[in-house]
Each structure stands twice: as C-alpha cells, then as structure tokens.
N, C-alpha and C. Protein backbone atom coordinates (compact mmCIF):
# COMPACT_ATOMS: atom_id res chain seq x y z
N MET A 1 0.90 -1.26 -0.02
CA MET A 1 0.04 -0.05 -0.02
C MET A 1 0.84 1.36 0.00
N ALA A 2 0.41 2.40 -0.72
CA ALA A 2 1.16 3.61 -0.55
C ALA A 2 0.08 4.70 -0.68
N ILE A 3 0.66 5.89 -0.10
CA ILE A 3 -0.03 7.05 0.02
C ILE A 3 0.84 8.22 -0.82
N ILE A 4 0.45 8.85 -1.94
CA ILE A 4 1.24 9.80 -2.59
C ILE A 4 0.80 11.25 -2.26
N GLY A 5 1.81 12.26 -2.89
CA GLY A 5 1.47 13.51 -2.69
C GLY A 5 0.86 14.08 -3.95
N GLN A 6 0.40 15.15 -3.94
CA GLN A 6 -0.26 15.87 -5.08
C GLN A 6 0.53 15.97 -6.49
N VAL A 7 1.94 16.17 -6.20
CA VAL A 7 2.71 16.12 -7.41
C VAL A 7 2.82 14.87 -8.16
N LEU A 8 2.98 13.90 -7.34
CA LEU A 8 3.08 12.50 -8.07
C LEU A 8 1.64 12.14 -8.60
N ALA A 9 0.69 12.47 -7.93
CA ALA A 9 -0.70 12.32 -8.41
C ALA A 9 -0.91 12.98 -9.89
N GLU A 10 -0.32 14.03 -10.00
CA GLU A 10 -0.44 14.79 -11.35
C GLU A 10 0.49 14.01 -12.31
N LYS A 11 1.70 13.58 -11.92
CA LYS A 11 2.68 12.94 -12.78
C LYS A 11 2.20 11.66 -13.27
N LEU A 12 1.90 10.72 -12.13
CA LEU A 12 1.70 9.55 -12.56
C LEU A 12 0.24 9.25 -12.90
N PHE A 13 -0.73 9.77 -12.56
CA PHE A 13 -2.14 9.55 -12.79
C PHE A 13 -2.97 10.66 -13.53
N ASP A 14 -2.13 11.68 -14.12
CA ASP A 14 -2.74 12.75 -14.91
C ASP A 14 -3.96 13.47 -13.98
N ASN A 15 -3.40 13.50 -12.75
CA ASN A 15 -4.22 14.22 -11.84
C ASN A 15 -5.62 13.64 -11.43
N ARG A 16 -5.81 12.25 -11.67
CA ARG A 16 -7.01 11.52 -11.59
C ARG A 16 -6.64 10.33 -11.09
N PRO A 17 -5.91 10.37 -9.85
CA PRO A 17 -5.70 8.94 -9.23
C PRO A 17 -7.17 8.45 -8.53
N ARG A 18 -7.16 7.18 -8.64
CA ARG A 18 -8.10 6.33 -7.81
C ARG A 18 -7.65 5.29 -6.86
N LEU A 19 -8.28 5.23 -5.69
CA LEU A 19 -7.82 4.26 -4.87
C LEU A 19 -8.12 3.03 -5.42
N GLY A 20 -6.86 2.15 -5.10
CA GLY A 20 -6.82 0.82 -5.80
C GLY A 20 -5.95 0.88 -7.22
N ASP A 21 -5.49 2.13 -7.56
CA ASP A 21 -4.81 2.11 -8.68
C ASP A 21 -3.16 1.43 -8.26
N SER A 22 -2.51 1.05 -9.18
CA SER A 22 -1.12 0.53 -8.93
C SER A 22 -0.14 1.23 -9.40
N LEU A 23 1.16 1.33 -8.65
CA LEU A 23 2.31 2.09 -8.91
C LEU A 23 3.38 1.09 -8.51
N ARG A 24 4.41 1.43 -9.22
CA ARG A 24 5.73 0.63 -8.73
C ARG A 24 6.92 1.49 -8.19
N ILE A 25 7.60 1.21 -7.25
CA ILE A 25 8.83 1.77 -6.89
C ILE A 25 9.86 0.81 -7.22
N GLY A 26 10.64 1.00 -8.22
CA GLY A 26 11.61 0.01 -8.90
C GLY A 26 10.70 -1.19 -9.26
N THR A 27 10.86 -2.34 -8.93
CA THR A 27 10.13 -3.38 -9.47
C THR A 27 9.11 -3.91 -8.40
N VAL A 28 8.74 -3.14 -7.28
CA VAL A 28 7.98 -3.52 -6.32
C VAL A 28 6.57 -2.85 -6.48
N PRO A 29 5.56 -3.66 -6.68
CA PRO A 29 4.21 -3.24 -6.96
C PRO A 29 3.45 -2.56 -5.54
N PHE A 30 2.85 -1.50 -5.70
CA PHE A 30 1.95 -0.90 -4.64
C PHE A 30 0.57 -0.65 -4.97
N THR A 31 -0.36 -0.66 -4.04
CA THR A 31 -1.62 -0.16 -4.32
C THR A 31 -1.94 1.10 -3.72
N LEU A 32 -2.52 2.03 -4.48
CA LEU A 32 -2.83 3.38 -3.97
C LEU A 32 -3.88 3.42 -2.90
N VAL A 33 -3.59 3.85 -1.72
CA VAL A 33 -4.69 3.78 -0.64
C VAL A 33 -4.93 5.19 -0.23
N GLY A 34 -4.21 6.14 -0.91
CA GLY A 34 -4.52 7.75 -0.34
C GLY A 34 -3.77 8.45 -1.15
N VAL A 35 -4.24 9.86 -1.17
CA VAL A 35 -3.53 11.09 -1.77
C VAL A 35 -3.55 12.05 -0.81
N LEU A 36 -2.45 12.60 -0.51
CA LEU A 36 -2.28 13.81 0.55
C LEU A 36 -2.80 15.21 0.08
N ASP A 37 -3.17 15.96 0.86
CA ASP A 37 -3.65 17.41 0.48
C ASP A 37 -2.40 18.28 0.05
N LYS A 38 -2.69 19.03 -0.71
CA LYS A 38 -1.53 19.88 -1.22
C LYS A 38 -1.04 20.56 -0.06
N LYS A 39 0.40 20.61 0.03
CA LYS A 39 1.08 21.29 1.07
C LYS A 39 1.90 22.41 0.93
N GLY A 40 2.44 22.37 -0.47
CA GLY A 40 3.23 23.54 -0.87
C GLY A 40 4.91 23.14 -0.62
N GLN A 41 5.54 24.25 -0.50
CA GLN A 41 6.88 24.23 -0.27
C GLN A 41 7.41 24.12 1.24
N ASN A 42 8.46 23.40 1.38
CA ASN A 42 9.14 23.51 2.76
C ASN A 42 9.83 24.70 3.07
N ALA A 43 10.66 24.88 4.18
CA ALA A 43 11.32 26.12 4.49
C ALA A 43 12.56 26.14 3.67
N ALA A 44 13.11 25.16 3.10
CA ALA A 44 14.25 25.14 2.15
C ALA A 44 13.82 25.28 0.61
N GLY A 45 12.60 25.50 0.37
CA GLY A 45 11.98 25.70 -1.04
C GLY A 45 11.56 24.52 -1.74
N GLY A 46 11.82 23.24 -1.30
CA GLY A 46 11.53 22.04 -1.90
C GLY A 46 10.04 21.69 -1.86
N SER A 47 9.61 20.74 -2.73
CA SER A 47 8.13 20.48 -2.74
C SER A 47 7.79 19.42 -1.36
N ARG A 48 6.79 19.66 -0.94
CA ARG A 48 6.32 18.77 0.29
C ARG A 48 5.21 17.72 -0.38
N ASP A 49 5.05 18.02 -1.58
CA ASP A 49 3.86 17.22 -2.33
C ASP A 49 4.56 16.28 -3.35
N ASP A 50 5.77 16.08 -3.42
CA ASP A 50 6.63 15.05 -4.17
C ASP A 50 7.04 13.85 -3.35
N VAL A 51 6.08 13.21 -2.76
CA VAL A 51 6.30 12.23 -1.83
C VAL A 51 5.51 10.82 -1.81
N VAL A 52 5.96 9.75 -1.49
CA VAL A 52 5.52 8.45 -1.56
C VAL A 52 5.59 7.96 -0.03
N ILE A 53 4.55 7.55 0.60
CA ILE A 53 4.61 7.14 1.87
C ILE A 53 4.12 5.58 1.89
N ILE A 54 5.07 4.63 2.18
CA ILE A 54 4.96 3.13 2.16
C ILE A 54 5.38 2.79 3.79
N PRO A 55 4.81 1.52 4.03
CA PRO A 55 5.26 0.90 5.36
C PRO A 55 6.82 0.77 5.49
N LEU A 56 7.23 1.23 6.58
CA LEU A 56 8.66 1.15 7.01
C LEU A 56 9.34 -0.16 6.82
N ALA A 57 8.60 -1.20 7.28
CA ALA A 57 8.98 -2.62 6.96
C ALA A 57 9.14 -3.06 5.64
N THR A 58 8.36 -2.50 4.83
CA THR A 58 8.27 -2.91 3.31
C THR A 58 9.45 -2.16 2.67
N ALA A 59 9.56 -0.95 2.90
CA ALA A 59 10.66 -0.13 2.51
C ALA A 59 12.07 -0.73 2.77
N ARG A 60 12.22 -1.30 4.11
CA ARG A 60 13.26 -1.76 4.59
C ARG A 60 13.68 -3.20 3.81
N THR A 61 12.84 -4.12 3.63
CA THR A 61 12.97 -5.35 3.19
C THR A 61 13.01 -5.56 1.72
N ARG A 62 11.92 -4.60 0.96
CA ARG A 62 11.91 -4.84 -0.27
C ARG A 62 12.34 -3.86 -1.28
N VAL A 63 12.33 -2.44 -0.89
CA VAL A 63 12.75 -1.32 -1.52
C VAL A 63 14.16 -0.79 -1.45
N ILE A 64 14.72 -0.67 -0.18
CA ILE A 64 15.98 -0.32 0.15
C ILE A 64 16.88 -1.43 0.31
N GLY A 65 16.29 -2.49 0.96
CA GLY A 65 17.17 -3.73 1.19
C GLY A 65 18.28 -3.58 2.13
N SER A 66 17.75 -4.08 3.36
CA SER A 66 18.55 -3.90 4.59
C SER A 66 18.84 -5.27 5.27
C-alpha cells in the first residue's frame, strides 16, 4: 500500500488517481490507498507534495534492502 502527494498524483495519474490504482517503486508493486492534500513548499524551498509514503518494514525489506 502507498500514499502519494499531489505532485505524484499529477505526474503518475494525470491528476486523476483512484484508490486501488497500482504504482511501482523499482520493481515492487504498490496499491494506492490515499492522496495527501496539497502542502506547498518546505522552508528550504523543496516540494512537500512530491512524496510517497509506504510501510517502513516494506521499505526496508523490499525497496531499500537492509
């Protein structure tokens, strides 16, 4: 399962994401379970909307590999 920010919703799903849509991080498939509200820039000027949130255990074992 994954939650994405608005920037990724626009880029990956043409700003029309639906719950249950699929996305991949590398070769690992995830199911979209939510989209965050638009937050804008952080103090350093970077986007807070260009994020993917996945379970930590999944990130460690399947995405990052530890």
